[in-house]
N, C-alpha and C. Protein backbone atom coordinates (compact mmCIF):
# COMPACT_ATOMS: atom_id res chain seq x y z
N MET A 1 42.81 26.77 96.18
CA MET A 1 44.22 26.48 95.97
C MET A 1 44.51 26.24 94.49
N LYS A 2 43.58 25.55 93.80
CA LYS A 2 43.79 25.28 92.39
C LYS A 2 43.82 26.58 91.59
N ILE A 3 43.01 27.52 91.97
CA ILE A 3 42.96 28.81 91.27
C ILE A 3 44.28 29.55 91.44
N ILE A 4 44.84 29.50 92.65
CA ILE A 4 46.12 30.18 92.91
C ILE A 4 47.23 29.52 92.09
N ASN A 5 47.25 28.19 92.01
CA ASN A 5 48.25 27.49 91.20
C ASN A 5 48.12 27.84 89.72
N LYS A 6 46.89 27.89 89.24
CA LYS A 6 46.66 28.25 87.83
C LYS A 6 47.09 29.69 87.58
N LEU A 7 46.78 30.57 88.50
CA LEU A 7 47.17 31.97 88.37
C LEU A 7 48.69 32.10 88.37
N PHE A 8 49.34 31.35 89.26
CA PHE A 8 50.81 31.37 89.32
C PHE A 8 51.42 30.89 88.00
N VAL A 9 50.91 29.81 87.45
CA VAL A 9 51.39 29.26 86.18
C VAL A 9 51.17 30.28 85.05
N LEU A 10 50.02 30.92 85.05
CA LEU A 10 49.72 31.93 84.04
C LEU A 10 50.69 33.11 84.12
N ILE A 11 50.97 33.57 85.33
CA ILE A 11 51.90 34.70 85.51
C ILE A 11 53.29 34.32 85.05
N VAL A 12 53.75 33.13 85.40
CA VAL A 12 55.08 32.66 84.98
C VAL A 12 55.13 32.56 83.45
N LEU A 13 54.08 32.03 82.85
CA LEU A 13 54.02 31.90 81.40
C LEU A 13 54.06 33.27 80.71
N VAL A 14 53.26 34.20 81.20
CA VAL A 14 53.24 35.55 80.61
C VAL A 14 54.59 36.23 80.77
N CYS A 15 55.19 36.13 81.94
CA CYS A 15 56.52 36.74 82.15
C CYS A 15 57.57 36.10 81.27
N GLY A 16 57.52 34.80 81.13
CA GLY A 16 58.48 34.09 80.28
C GLY A 16 58.35 34.49 78.82
N LEU A 17 57.12 34.56 78.34
CA LEU A 17 56.90 34.96 76.95
C LEU A 17 57.30 36.41 76.70
N SER A 18 56.98 37.29 77.63
CA SER A 18 57.34 38.69 77.43
C SER A 18 58.85 38.88 77.43
N THR A 19 59.55 38.10 78.25
CA THR A 19 61.01 38.17 78.26
C THR A 19 61.57 37.63 76.95
N ALA A 20 61.03 36.54 76.48
CA ALA A 20 61.52 35.94 75.23
C ALA A 20 61.29 36.87 74.05
N TYR A 21 60.14 37.51 74.00
CA TYR A 21 59.81 38.37 72.85
C TYR A 21 60.38 39.78 72.99
N SER A 22 60.87 40.14 74.15
CA SER A 22 61.43 41.48 74.30
C SER A 22 62.93 41.51 74.00
N GLN A 23 63.52 40.35 73.72
CA GLN A 23 64.94 40.31 73.40
C GLN A 23 65.19 41.09 72.11
N LYS A 24 66.23 41.87 72.10
CA LYS A 24 66.54 42.66 70.92
C LYS A 24 67.20 41.79 69.86
N VAL A 25 66.82 42.04 68.62
CA VAL A 25 67.41 41.33 67.50
C VAL A 25 68.82 41.88 67.29
N THR A 26 69.82 41.03 67.33
CA THR A 26 71.19 41.48 67.12
C THR A 26 71.82 40.84 65.89
N THR A 27 71.26 39.73 65.42
CA THR A 27 71.77 39.11 64.20
C THR A 27 70.65 39.00 63.19
N GLN A 28 70.95 39.35 61.97
CA GLN A 28 69.96 39.31 60.90
C GLN A 28 70.61 38.78 59.63
N GLU A 29 70.04 37.73 59.11
CA GLU A 29 70.50 37.21 57.83
C GLU A 29 70.04 38.16 56.72
N ILE A 30 70.76 38.18 55.65
CA ILE A 30 70.35 38.94 54.48
C ILE A 30 70.24 37.98 53.30
N ASP A 31 69.51 38.42 52.29
CA ASP A 31 69.40 37.60 51.08
C ASP A 31 70.77 37.44 50.46
N LYS A 32 70.98 36.33 49.84
CA LYS A 32 72.23 36.07 49.12
C LYS A 32 71.90 35.95 47.63
N PRO A 33 72.83 36.33 46.77
CA PRO A 33 72.55 36.25 45.33
C PRO A 33 72.59 34.81 44.83
N THR A 34 71.92 34.59 43.71
CA THR A 34 72.02 33.33 43.00
C THR A 34 73.48 33.15 42.58
N GLU A 35 73.94 31.92 42.52
CA GLU A 35 75.34 31.63 42.15
C GLU A 35 75.73 32.39 40.89
N GLY A 36 76.83 33.13 40.98
CA GLY A 36 77.36 33.88 39.84
C GLY A 36 76.77 35.27 39.66
N LYS A 37 75.79 35.65 40.48
CA LYS A 37 75.14 36.96 40.39
C LYS A 37 75.61 37.86 41.53
N SER A 38 75.21 39.13 41.45
CA SER A 38 75.45 40.10 42.52
C SER A 38 74.10 40.55 43.05
N LEU A 39 74.07 40.97 44.31
CA LEU A 39 72.84 41.45 44.92
C LEU A 39 73.09 42.83 45.50
N VAL A 40 72.16 43.75 45.22
CA VAL A 40 72.29 45.12 45.72
C VAL A 40 71.05 45.45 46.54
N TYR A 41 71.28 45.82 47.79
CA TYR A 41 70.22 46.37 48.64
C TYR A 41 70.22 47.87 48.43
N ILE A 42 69.05 48.44 48.16
CA ILE A 42 68.93 49.88 48.01
C ILE A 42 67.97 50.35 49.10
N LEU A 43 68.51 51.07 50.09
CA LEU A 43 67.75 51.53 51.24
C LEU A 43 67.12 52.88 50.94
N ARG A 44 66.03 53.19 51.65
CA ARG A 44 65.37 54.50 51.54
C ARG A 44 65.30 55.08 52.94
N THR A 45 66.07 56.13 53.20
CA THR A 45 66.11 56.76 54.51
C THR A 45 66.00 58.28 54.35
N GLY A 46 65.93 58.97 55.47
CA GLY A 46 66.01 60.42 55.48
C GLY A 46 64.68 61.13 55.29
N ALA A 47 64.77 62.40 54.90
CA ALA A 47 63.61 63.29 54.77
C ALA A 47 62.75 62.93 53.58
N GLY A 48 61.56 63.50 53.55
CA GLY A 48 60.66 63.33 52.41
C GLY A 48 60.10 61.94 52.28
N ALA A 49 59.62 61.37 53.38
CA ALA A 49 59.15 59.99 53.38
C ALA A 49 58.01 59.75 52.39
N LEU A 50 57.23 60.78 52.07
CA LEU A 50 56.10 60.60 51.16
C LEU A 50 56.50 60.75 49.69
N ILE A 51 57.73 61.19 49.44
CA ILE A 51 58.21 61.40 48.07
C ILE A 51 58.83 60.11 47.55
N ASN A 52 58.47 59.74 46.32
CA ASN A 52 59.08 58.59 45.66
C ASN A 52 60.43 58.97 45.08
N PHE A 53 61.42 58.17 45.36
CA PHE A 53 62.71 58.30 44.68
C PHE A 53 62.74 57.21 43.62
N ARG A 54 62.96 57.59 42.39
CA ARG A 54 63.04 56.63 41.29
C ARG A 54 64.48 56.13 41.20
N ILE A 55 64.63 54.80 41.16
CA ILE A 55 65.95 54.18 41.18
C ILE A 55 66.20 53.49 39.84
N TYR A 56 67.44 53.67 39.31
CA TYR A 56 67.81 53.13 38.00
C TYR A 56 69.15 52.41 38.09
N ASP A 57 69.32 51.43 37.20
CA ASP A 57 70.61 50.82 36.92
C ASP A 57 70.90 51.17 35.47
N LYS A 58 71.68 52.21 35.26
CA LYS A 58 71.96 52.80 33.96
C LYS A 58 70.66 53.09 33.21
N ASP A 59 70.28 52.27 32.23
CA ASP A 59 69.08 52.54 31.45
C ASP A 59 67.91 51.64 31.83
N LYS A 60 67.98 51.03 33.02
CA LYS A 60 66.91 50.15 33.49
C LYS A 60 66.25 50.78 34.72
N PHE A 61 64.93 50.98 34.63
CA PHE A 61 64.17 51.49 35.77
C PHE A 61 63.92 50.36 36.75
N LEU A 62 64.41 50.53 37.99
CA LEU A 62 64.27 49.48 39.00
C LEU A 62 62.99 49.63 39.83
N GLY A 63 62.50 50.85 39.95
CA GLY A 63 61.29 51.07 40.73
C GLY A 63 61.39 52.35 41.53
N ALA A 64 60.31 52.63 42.25
CA ALA A 64 60.25 53.82 43.09
C ALA A 64 60.23 53.39 44.55
N LEU A 65 61.00 54.09 45.35
CA LEU A 65 61.05 53.83 46.79
C LEU A 65 60.48 55.03 47.52
N SER A 66 59.58 54.79 48.45
CA SER A 66 59.08 55.85 49.32
C SER A 66 59.02 55.33 50.74
N GLY A 67 58.93 56.24 51.66
CA GLY A 67 58.82 55.83 53.06
C GLY A 67 60.05 55.09 53.55
N PHE A 68 59.86 54.24 54.53
CA PHE A 68 60.94 53.50 55.15
C PHE A 68 60.95 52.10 54.55
N LYS A 69 61.56 51.97 53.36
CA LYS A 69 61.59 50.71 52.61
C LYS A 69 63.00 50.42 52.15
N TYR A 70 63.16 49.22 51.61
CA TYR A 70 64.39 48.90 50.90
C TYR A 70 64.07 47.95 49.76
N MET A 71 64.89 48.05 48.71
CA MET A 71 64.72 47.22 47.53
C MET A 71 65.87 46.22 47.46
N VAL A 72 65.58 45.02 47.00
CA VAL A 72 66.60 44.00 46.78
C VAL A 72 66.64 43.74 45.28
N TYR A 73 67.82 43.95 44.69
CA TYR A 73 67.97 43.87 43.23
C TYR A 73 69.12 42.92 42.89
N GLU A 74 68.81 41.83 42.19
CA GLU A 74 69.83 40.89 41.75
C GLU A 74 70.22 41.23 40.31
N CYS A 75 71.52 41.23 40.03
CA CYS A 75 71.99 41.62 38.70
C CYS A 75 73.27 40.88 38.34
N GLU A 76 73.70 41.10 37.13
CA GLU A 76 74.96 40.53 36.67
C GLU A 76 76.11 41.27 37.35
N PRO A 77 77.20 40.58 37.68
CA PRO A 77 78.37 41.27 38.23
C PRO A 77 79.00 42.16 37.15
N GLY A 78 79.89 43.03 37.57
CA GLY A 78 80.57 43.92 36.63
C GLY A 78 80.26 45.37 36.92
N ASN A 79 80.46 46.20 35.90
CA ASN A 79 80.29 47.65 36.06
C ASN A 79 78.82 48.06 35.90
N HIS A 80 78.38 48.93 36.79
CA HIS A 80 77.02 49.45 36.79
C HIS A 80 77.05 50.94 37.09
N ILE A 81 76.03 51.64 36.63
CA ILE A 81 75.81 53.03 37.00
C ILE A 81 74.44 53.08 37.66
N PHE A 82 74.44 53.18 38.98
CA PHE A 82 73.19 53.29 39.71
C PHE A 82 72.89 54.78 39.89
N TRP A 83 71.64 55.13 39.78
CA TRP A 83 71.28 56.52 40.03
C TRP A 83 69.86 56.63 40.55
N ALA A 84 69.64 57.72 41.26
CA ALA A 84 68.34 57.99 41.86
C ALA A 84 67.89 59.37 41.39
N ALA A 85 66.58 59.51 41.22
CA ALA A 85 66.03 60.78 40.75
C ALA A 85 64.90 61.23 41.66
N SER A 86 64.89 62.52 41.93
CA SER A 86 63.79 63.18 42.62
C SER A 86 63.80 64.60 42.08
N GLU A 87 64.01 65.59 42.94
CA GLU A 87 64.18 66.96 42.46
C GLU A 87 65.53 67.07 41.73
N ASN A 88 66.44 66.19 42.07
CA ASN A 88 67.77 66.14 41.47
C ASN A 88 68.06 64.71 41.01
N ARG A 89 69.27 64.49 40.54
CA ARG A 89 69.75 63.14 40.21
C ARG A 89 71.10 62.94 40.89
N ASP A 90 71.32 61.73 41.40
CA ASP A 90 72.58 61.43 42.07
C ASP A 90 73.06 60.07 41.57
N PHE A 91 74.39 59.94 41.35
CA PHE A 91 74.95 58.79 40.65
C PHE A 91 76.01 58.06 41.48
N VAL A 92 76.06 56.73 41.30
CA VAL A 92 77.09 55.89 41.91
C VAL A 92 77.59 54.92 40.85
N GLU A 93 78.90 54.93 40.62
CA GLU A 93 79.52 53.93 39.74
C GLU A 93 79.90 52.73 40.60
N ALA A 94 79.58 51.54 40.13
CA ALA A 94 79.81 50.33 40.92
C ALA A 94 80.51 49.28 40.08
N ASN A 95 81.42 48.56 40.73
CA ASN A 95 82.05 47.39 40.15
C ASN A 95 81.72 46.23 41.07
N LEU A 96 80.75 45.42 40.66
CA LEU A 96 80.23 44.36 41.51
C LEU A 96 80.87 43.02 41.20
N GLU A 97 81.23 42.30 42.25
CA GLU A 97 81.79 40.97 42.10
C GLU A 97 80.67 39.93 42.21
N PRO A 98 80.86 38.76 41.57
CA PRO A 98 79.84 37.72 41.68
C PRO A 98 79.74 37.19 43.12
N ASN A 99 78.56 36.69 43.46
CA ASN A 99 78.29 36.07 44.76
C ASN A 99 78.50 37.04 45.92
N SER A 100 78.25 38.32 45.69
CA SER A 100 78.49 39.34 46.69
C SER A 100 77.26 40.21 46.88
N VAL A 101 77.17 40.82 48.08
CA VAL A 101 76.05 41.69 48.44
C VAL A 101 76.59 43.08 48.71
N TYR A 102 75.95 44.08 48.12
CA TYR A 102 76.34 45.48 48.28
C TYR A 102 75.13 46.28 48.74
N VAL A 103 75.39 47.46 49.32
CA VAL A 103 74.30 48.28 49.85
C VAL A 103 74.47 49.73 49.41
N LEU A 104 73.37 50.30 48.87
CA LEU A 104 73.29 51.71 48.54
C LEU A 104 72.20 52.34 49.41
N ASN A 105 72.38 53.61 49.75
CA ASN A 105 71.39 54.32 50.56
C ASN A 105 70.87 55.52 49.79
N ALA A 106 69.57 55.52 49.47
CA ALA A 106 68.91 56.67 48.85
C ALA A 106 68.33 57.50 50.00
N GLU A 107 69.07 58.53 50.37
CA GLU A 107 68.71 59.33 51.54
C GLU A 107 68.04 60.62 51.11
N GLY A 108 66.86 60.86 51.66
CA GLY A 108 66.14 62.10 51.37
C GLY A 108 66.74 63.28 52.10
N GLN A 109 66.83 64.41 51.40
CA GLN A 109 67.35 65.64 51.98
C GLN A 109 66.43 66.78 51.57
N MET A 110 66.44 67.84 52.33
CA MET A 110 65.58 68.97 52.02
C MET A 110 65.94 69.55 50.66
N GLY A 111 64.93 69.79 49.83
CA GLY A 111 65.13 70.39 48.52
C GLY A 111 64.42 71.72 48.45
N ALA A 112 64.47 72.36 47.30
CA ALA A 112 63.81 73.65 47.12
C ALA A 112 62.29 73.49 47.12
N PHE A 113 61.79 72.48 46.42
CA PHE A 113 60.34 72.28 46.33
C PHE A 113 59.92 70.93 46.89
N ILE A 114 60.67 69.89 46.57
CA ILE A 114 60.41 68.56 47.12
C ILE A 114 61.75 68.02 47.62
N ALA A 115 61.73 66.85 48.21
CA ALA A 115 62.97 66.28 48.75
C ALA A 115 63.96 65.96 47.65
N GLN A 116 65.22 66.23 47.91
CA GLN A 116 66.29 65.80 47.03
C GLN A 116 66.76 64.44 47.52
N VAL A 117 67.49 63.75 46.65
CA VAL A 117 68.00 62.43 47.01
C VAL A 117 69.52 62.43 46.91
N SER A 118 70.14 61.77 47.87
CA SER A 118 71.58 61.52 47.85
C SER A 118 71.76 60.01 47.84
N LEU A 119 72.28 59.49 46.74
CA LEU A 119 72.53 58.05 46.63
C LEU A 119 73.98 57.79 46.98
N SER A 120 74.20 56.98 48.02
CA SER A 120 75.56 56.74 48.51
C SER A 120 75.79 55.27 48.79
N PRO A 121 77.01 54.79 48.50
CA PRO A 121 77.35 53.40 48.87
C PRO A 121 77.60 53.32 50.36
N LEU A 122 77.22 52.21 50.97
CA LEU A 122 77.53 51.98 52.38
C LEU A 122 78.74 51.08 52.48
N ASN A 123 79.58 51.38 53.46
CA ASN A 123 80.83 50.66 53.66
C ASN A 123 80.69 49.72 54.85
N PRO A 124 80.90 48.41 54.66
CA PRO A 124 80.73 47.46 55.76
C PRO A 124 81.76 47.62 56.87
N ASN A 125 82.78 48.45 56.67
CA ASN A 125 83.79 48.69 57.69
C ASN A 125 83.49 49.93 58.53
N GLU A 126 82.41 50.64 58.21
CA GLU A 126 82.04 51.85 58.95
C GLU A 126 80.88 51.55 59.89
N PHE A 127 81.04 51.87 61.17
CA PHE A 127 80.01 51.61 62.18
C PHE A 127 78.67 52.25 61.78
N ARG A 128 78.70 53.50 61.37
CA ARG A 128 77.47 54.22 61.02
C ARG A 128 76.73 53.54 59.85
N ASP A 129 77.48 53.11 58.85
CA ASP A 129 76.87 52.44 57.70
C ASP A 129 76.27 51.09 58.08
N LYS A 130 77.00 50.34 58.92
CA LYS A 130 76.49 49.05 59.39
C LYS A 130 75.22 49.24 60.22
N ARG A 131 75.20 50.29 61.05
CA ARG A 131 74.03 50.57 61.88
C ARG A 131 72.83 50.94 61.02
N THR A 132 73.05 51.75 59.99
CA THR A 132 71.96 52.11 59.08
C THR A 132 71.38 50.88 58.41
N PHE A 133 72.25 50.00 57.90
CA PHE A 133 71.79 48.78 57.25
C PHE A 133 71.00 47.91 58.22
N TYR A 134 71.53 47.74 59.43
CA TYR A 134 70.86 46.95 60.47
C TYR A 134 69.46 47.49 60.76
N GLN A 135 69.37 48.81 60.96
CA GLN A 135 68.09 49.42 61.33
C GLN A 135 67.05 49.29 60.21
N VAL A 136 67.48 49.50 58.98
CA VAL A 136 66.52 49.43 57.87
C VAL A 136 66.05 48.00 57.65
N VAL A 137 66.96 47.04 57.63
CA VAL A 137 66.57 45.64 57.41
C VAL A 137 65.67 45.16 58.55
N LYS A 138 65.95 45.62 59.77
CA LYS A 138 65.17 45.21 60.93
C LYS A 138 63.75 45.76 60.89
N GLY A 139 63.59 47.01 60.46
CA GLY A 139 62.29 47.65 60.62
C GLY A 139 61.55 48.06 59.36
N ALA A 140 62.20 48.04 58.22
CA ALA A 140 61.57 48.55 57.00
C ALA A 140 60.90 47.44 56.21
N LYS A 141 60.12 47.87 55.26
CA LYS A 141 59.42 46.92 54.38
C LYS A 141 60.31 46.59 53.18
N LYS A 142 60.41 45.29 52.89
CA LYS A 142 61.22 44.81 51.77
C LYS A 142 60.43 44.92 50.47
N GLN A 143 61.11 45.38 49.43
CA GLN A 143 60.50 45.51 48.11
C GLN A 143 61.43 44.83 47.10
N LEU A 144 60.97 43.76 46.48
CA LEU A 144 61.78 43.07 45.48
C LEU A 144 61.71 43.80 44.14
N TYR A 145 62.79 43.76 43.41
CA TYR A 145 62.79 44.34 42.07
C TYR A 145 61.90 43.48 41.17
N VAL A 146 60.98 44.13 40.49
CA VAL A 146 60.10 43.47 39.53
C VAL A 146 60.14 44.29 38.25
N PRO A 147 60.53 43.70 37.12
CA PRO A 147 60.56 44.47 35.87
C PRO A 147 59.20 45.12 35.60
N THR A 148 59.25 46.34 35.11
CA THR A 148 58.03 47.10 34.87
C THR A 148 57.92 47.49 33.40
N THR A 149 56.73 47.77 32.98
CA THR A 149 56.51 48.21 31.60
C THR A 149 56.35 49.73 31.52
N ASP A 150 56.54 50.42 32.64
CA ASP A 150 56.44 51.89 32.63
C ASP A 150 57.44 52.47 31.64
N ASP A 151 56.99 53.43 30.84
CA ASP A 151 57.87 54.07 29.87
C ASP A 151 58.65 55.20 30.56
N LYS A 152 59.90 54.97 30.82
CA LYS A 152 60.77 55.95 31.48
C LYS A 152 61.84 56.46 30.52
N THR A 153 61.57 56.38 29.21
CA THR A 153 62.55 56.73 28.18
C THR A 153 63.09 58.14 28.37
N GLU A 154 62.20 59.11 28.56
CA GLU A 154 62.64 60.51 28.70
C GLU A 154 63.44 60.71 29.98
N ASN A 155 62.98 60.11 31.08
CA ASN A 155 63.71 60.22 32.35
C ASN A 155 65.11 59.62 32.21
N ILE A 156 65.19 58.46 31.58
CA ILE A 156 66.48 57.78 31.41
C ILE A 156 67.40 58.61 30.52
N LYS A 157 66.86 59.14 29.44
CA LYS A 157 67.67 59.94 28.51
C LYS A 157 68.24 61.17 29.22
N SER A 158 67.40 61.91 29.93
CA SER A 158 67.90 63.12 30.60
C SER A 158 68.83 62.78 31.76
N GLY A 159 68.55 61.67 32.46
CA GLY A 159 69.43 61.25 33.55
C GLY A 159 70.81 60.86 33.07
N LEU A 160 70.88 60.11 31.98
CA LEU A 160 72.18 59.69 31.46
C LEU A 160 72.93 60.85 30.80
N GLU A 161 72.20 61.83 30.26
CA GLU A 161 72.86 63.05 29.76
C GLU A 161 73.52 63.80 30.91
N LYS A 162 72.83 63.88 32.05
CA LYS A 162 73.39 64.53 33.24
C LYS A 162 74.64 63.77 33.70
N TYR A 163 74.57 62.44 33.71
CA TYR A 163 75.72 61.63 34.10
C TYR A 163 76.90 61.88 33.15
N ASP A 164 76.64 61.87 31.84
CA ASP A 164 77.71 62.10 30.86
C ASP A 164 78.34 63.47 31.06
N ALA A 165 77.54 64.49 31.36
CA ALA A 165 78.07 65.84 31.59
C ALA A 165 78.95 65.85 32.84
N LEU A 166 78.51 65.20 33.90
CA LEU A 166 79.32 65.13 35.12
C LEU A 166 80.61 64.38 34.87
N LYS A 167 80.53 63.29 34.14
CA LYS A 167 81.70 62.47 33.83
C LYS A 167 82.70 63.25 32.99
N ALA A 168 82.19 64.00 31.99
CA ALA A 168 83.07 64.78 31.11
C ALA A 168 83.80 65.88 31.87
N SER A 169 83.18 66.40 32.93
CA SER A 169 83.82 67.46 33.70
C SER A 169 84.61 66.92 34.89
N ASN A 170 84.80 65.60 34.93
CA ASN A 170 85.52 64.94 36.03
C ASN A 170 84.95 65.34 37.39
N SER A 171 83.64 65.39 37.47
CA SER A 171 82.96 65.82 38.69
C SER A 171 83.20 64.86 39.84
N LYS A 172 83.35 65.42 41.01
CA LYS A 172 83.49 64.63 42.24
C LYS A 172 82.12 64.21 42.77
N LYS A 173 81.04 64.61 42.09
CA LYS A 173 79.68 64.29 42.53
C LYS A 173 79.32 62.83 42.26
N ILE A 174 80.05 62.16 41.38
CA ILE A 174 79.79 60.75 41.11
C ILE A 174 80.53 59.92 42.16
N LYS A 175 79.76 59.20 42.96
CA LYS A 175 80.36 58.39 44.01
C LYS A 175 80.74 57.01 43.46
N VAL A 176 81.56 56.28 44.22
CA VAL A 176 82.05 54.98 43.76
C VAL A 176 81.74 53.91 44.81
N LEU A 177 81.16 52.83 44.34
CA LEU A 177 80.94 51.63 45.15
C LEU A 177 82.02 50.64 44.74
N ALA A 178 83.04 50.50 45.60
CA ALA A 178 84.17 49.62 45.29
C ALA A 178 83.78 48.15 45.44
N SER A 179 84.45 47.30 44.68
CA SER A 179 84.12 45.87 44.67
C SER A 179 84.34 45.19 46.02
N ASP A 180 85.17 45.78 46.89
CA ASP A 180 85.43 45.15 48.19
C ASP A 180 84.47 45.62 49.29
N MET A 181 83.47 46.42 48.95
CA MET A 181 82.51 46.94 49.94
C MET A 181 81.33 45.97 50.09
N LYS A 182 81.63 44.72 50.44
CA LYS A 182 80.64 43.64 50.51
C LYS A 182 80.10 43.49 51.92
N PHE A 183 78.80 43.28 52.02
CA PHE A 183 78.16 43.02 53.31
C PHE A 183 77.90 41.53 53.43
N GLU A 184 78.19 40.98 54.60
CA GLU A 184 77.96 39.56 54.87
C GLU A 184 76.65 39.34 55.63
N ASN A 185 76.21 40.37 56.38
CA ASN A 185 74.99 40.24 57.17
C ASN A 185 74.49 41.64 57.52
N ALA A 186 73.38 41.69 58.23
CA ALA A 186 72.84 42.96 58.71
C ALA A 186 72.78 42.93 60.23
N ASP A 187 73.83 42.37 60.85
CA ASP A 187 73.88 42.26 62.31
C ASP A 187 74.02 43.63 62.95
N LYS A 188 73.54 43.71 64.18
CA LYS A 188 73.68 44.95 64.95
C LYS A 188 75.16 45.19 65.21
N PRO A 189 75.69 46.34 64.79
CA PRO A 189 77.13 46.57 64.98
C PRO A 189 77.43 46.94 66.43
N GLU A 190 78.63 46.63 66.83
CA GLU A 190 79.11 47.01 68.16
C GLU A 190 80.27 47.96 68.00
N LYS A 191 80.26 49.01 68.82
CA LYS A 191 81.37 49.96 68.78
C LYS A 191 82.61 49.30 69.32
N ASN A 192 83.75 49.62 68.70
CA ASN A 192 85.03 49.09 69.19
C ASN A 192 85.35 49.76 70.52
N LYS A 193 85.78 48.97 71.44
CA LYS A 193 86.07 49.51 72.77
C LYS A 193 87.46 50.05 72.88
């Protein structure tokens, strides 16, 4: 009888734990910036998981993202030019407000020889963008920005020349991250009924 009682308790315990741990995560906190600063999440999604996308804030190299990762970068509020480089270069102009969190997505796309990158701002009012942010924060590896001593002078020079050429031609290829595109959390979004 004692064995049956112990077995019953064990089964109840295992079932209870499996139920508790099988619950889906629906709310996720995100990092917040230091008072007076801005925080930018840079996600890495799409094709070419083995290819590094090099990420920059104007003339500052932030690091390389590969695989299913995301970077958290704290910076001064104000105007920024974020860009990503792979087979191509893609640019986002941003106006960041203090004490706010913004999200960019470096999405891999098929290229001629290696993956191309599309750097795009995510909008907290769009279901698809909120879902992307939720999925990446839930399952990807976090990478903090750490200043590096790598010499990226030539890459930065050619990247900013490309940006200046696009800007001079009033190109629609430069995307804009508006100051009101702030994320409060990485909660699982629900479709409006």
